[in-house]
């Protein structure tokens, strides 16, 4: 899924327009057209490689609010047109003790960051919210990775 965003190509470059491909949505995925994305100090530190491990090109952004544009055939927690948010994590192993207790931020195998993280099983770099859209698994929304602020408690 062709997507436009803003990426740093190196620690010394400015953010600039960048075209990349989002993965095609799976049956449990939610496609979110991004409306807003916060600017956090961690985005700035990451693109400047102030912290070890920045992978370029780096499309930052992890405080995402958007509108659901599409849902997979087995999605139950979201409908097209609803508002959704994505935080700093988009995946985890979902199997370790921490994940089973809803503490994915302590995933024993390491969580996948919304940006500058390894795409599960692919080794590709995740790209964040300084872009047009994002594709995420709805299973994680209840644990805070994706939230539906309009859903009843």
Protein backbone atom coordinates (compact mmCIF):
# COMPACT_ATOMS: atom_id res chain seq x y z
CA UNK A 1 0.00 0.00 0.00
CA UNK A 2 1.83 3.09 -1.26
CA UNK A 3 2.12 5.70 1.51
CA UNK A 4 3.64 9.15 1.71
CA UNK A 5 5.40 10.35 4.83
CA UNK A 6 8.32 12.38 6.14
CA UNK A 7 11.60 10.63 6.83
CA UNK A 8 15.11 11.40 7.95
CA UNK A 9 17.61 9.64 5.68
CA UNK A 10 20.49 10.10 8.13
CA UNK A 11 21.27 11.64 11.52
CA UNK A 12 22.18 14.93 9.88
CA UNK A 13 19.34 15.20 7.35
CA UNK A 14 16.08 17.10 7.72
CA UNK A 15 12.74 15.37 7.51
CA UNK A 16 11.74 15.27 3.86
CA UNK A 17 8.93 13.74 1.80
CA UNK A 18 9.35 9.98 1.52
CA UNK A 19 7.31 7.35 -0.32
CA UNK A 20 7.15 3.82 1.09
CA UNK A 21 4.88 0.79 1.15
CA UNK A 22 2.69 -0.22 4.08
CA UNK A 23 1.88 -3.90 4.25
CA UNK A 24 -1.40 -5.05 2.85
CA UNK A 25 -3.98 -5.44 5.64
CA UNK A 26 -4.68 -8.92 7.01
CA UNK A 27 -8.02 -10.22 8.30
CA UNK A 28 -7.48 -8.81 11.82
CA UNK A 29 -5.93 -5.49 10.70
CA UNK A 30 -7.22 -1.95 10.91
CA UNK A 31 -6.14 0.64 8.32
CA UNK A 32 -6.08 4.12 9.85
CA UNK A 33 -5.89 7.33 7.82
CA UNK A 34 -3.78 9.55 10.06
CA UNK A 35 -5.35 12.89 10.97
CA UNK A 36 -2.93 14.02 13.68
CA UNK A 37 0.40 12.94 15.09
CA UNK A 38 2.10 14.49 18.08
CA UNK A 39 5.68 15.67 18.05
CA UNK A 40 7.59 14.11 20.94
CA UNK A 41 11.15 14.67 22.08
CA UNK A 42 11.79 10.97 21.49
CA UNK A 43 11.02 11.46 17.77
CA UNK A 44 13.70 14.14 17.62
CA UNK A 45 16.26 12.05 19.55
CA UNK A 46 15.57 9.04 17.34
CA UNK A 47 15.95 10.81 14.00
CA UNK A 48 19.20 12.43 15.20
CA UNK A 49 20.47 9.05 16.42
CA UNK A 50 21.01 10.45 19.90
CA UNK A 51 20.02 6.97 21.07
CA UNK A 52 21.71 3.90 19.65
CA UNK A 53 20.00 1.85 16.98
CA UNK A 54 18.31 4.32 14.66
CA UNK A 55 17.54 2.63 11.35
CA UNK A 56 17.25 4.86 8.30
CA UNK A 57 15.17 5.96 6.60
CA UNK A 58 13.33 6.83 9.82
CA UNK A 59 9.67 7.92 9.66
CA UNK A 60 8.97 8.97 13.27
CA UNK A 61 5.68 9.57 15.06
CA UNK A 62 3.96 7.51 17.75
CA UNK A 63 1.15 9.68 19.10
CA UNK A 64 -1.30 8.97 16.31
CA UNK A 65 -4.99 9.82 15.95
CA UNK A 66 -6.84 8.90 12.80
CA UNK A 67 -10.00 7.63 11.18
CA UNK A 68 -10.50 3.96 10.40
CA UNK A 69 -10.43 3.63 6.60
CA UNK A 70 -10.73 -0.16 6.32
CA UNK A 71 -10.99 -3.23 8.54
CA UNK A 72 -10.13 -6.85 7.92
CA UNK A 73 -12.84 -9.50 7.66
CA UNK A 74 -12.34 -10.66 11.27
CA UNK A 75 -12.06 -7.26 12.99
CA UNK A 76 -14.67 -6.82 15.73
CA UNK A 77 -13.55 -3.76 17.71
CA UNK A 78 -13.58 -1.11 14.98
CA UNK A 79 -15.75 0.05 12.12
CA UNK A 80 -14.92 2.20 9.12
CA UNK A 81 -15.28 5.87 10.00
CA UNK A 82 -14.49 5.54 13.72
CA UNK A 83 -11.64 7.38 15.42
CA UNK A 84 -8.65 5.33 16.60
CA UNK A 85 -5.32 6.06 18.24
CA UNK A 86 -1.94 4.33 18.10
CA UNK A 87 0.75 4.70 20.76
CA UNK A 88 4.42 3.78 20.83
CA UNK A 89 4.03 0.01 20.26
CA UNK A 90 2.43 -1.90 17.39
CA UNK A 91 3.27 -5.50 18.26
CA UNK A 92 4.75 -7.93 20.77
CA UNK A 93 5.27 -11.68 20.93
CA UNK A 94 1.80 -12.07 22.51
CA UNK A 95 2.95 -15.32 24.15
CA UNK A 96 5.30 -14.54 27.06
CA UNK A 97 4.07 -14.07 30.64
CA UNK A 98 4.19 -10.26 30.34
CA UNK A 99 2.13 -10.23 27.14
CA UNK A 100 -0.39 -12.69 28.56
CA UNK A 101 -0.92 -10.31 31.48
CA UNK A 102 -1.46 -7.24 29.27
CA UNK A 103 2.02 -5.86 29.94
CA UNK A 104 3.34 -5.88 26.37
CA UNK A 105 5.72 -3.02 27.13
CA UNK A 106 7.68 -5.62 29.14
CA UNK A 107 7.56 -8.27 26.40
CA UNK A 108 10.33 -10.76 27.14
CA UNK A 109 11.21 -10.95 23.44
CA UNK A 110 10.94 -7.19 22.94
CA UNK A 111 7.98 -5.20 21.66
CA UNK A 112 7.82 -3.69 18.18
CA UNK A 113 7.90 0.10 18.20
CA UNK A 114 5.52 2.13 16.07
CA UNK A 115 8.58 3.45 14.27
CA UNK A 116 12.19 2.33 14.02
CA UNK A 117 11.17 -1.19 14.99
CA UNK A 118 11.46 -4.55 13.31
CA UNK A 119 8.35 -5.65 11.45
CA UNK A 120 7.42 -9.06 12.85
CA UNK A 121 9.07 -11.79 10.84
CA UNK A 122 10.27 -9.44 8.12
CA UNK A 123 13.18 -7.48 9.55
CA UNK A 124 11.89 -4.35 7.84
CA UNK A 125 11.81 -1.01 9.61
CA UNK A 126 8.44 0.13 10.95
CA UNK A 127 7.38 3.61 9.88
CA UNK A 128 5.46 5.90 12.18
CA UNK A 129 2.80 8.53 12.17
CA UNK A 130 4.48 11.25 10.15
CA UNK A 131 2.67 9.66 7.24
CA UNK A 132 -0.72 9.31 5.57
CA UNK A 133 -1.82 5.98 7.06
CA UNK A 134 -0.86 3.05 9.24
CA UNK A 135 -1.88 -0.61 9.30
CA UNK A 136 -2.12 -2.31 12.69
CA UNK A 137 -3.55 -5.51 14.19
CA UNK A 138 -6.75 -4.84 16.15
CA UNK A 139 -5.93 -7.57 18.68
CA UNK A 140 -3.67 -5.16 20.49
CA UNK A 141 -6.16 -2.32 20.81
CA UNK A 142 -7.44 -3.52 24.18
CA UNK A 143 -3.91 -3.43 25.57
CA UNK A 144 -3.43 0.18 24.60
CA UNK A 145 -1.63 -0.16 21.30
CA UNK A 146 -4.69 0.94 19.41
CA UNK A 147 -7.57 2.53 21.22
CA UNK A 148 -11.12 3.29 20.29
CA UNK A 149 -12.01 6.32 22.43
CA UNK A 150 -15.65 6.10 21.36
CA UNK A 151 -16.16 2.47 22.45
CA UNK A 152 -18.20 1.83 25.60
CA UNK A 153 -16.24 0.52 28.61
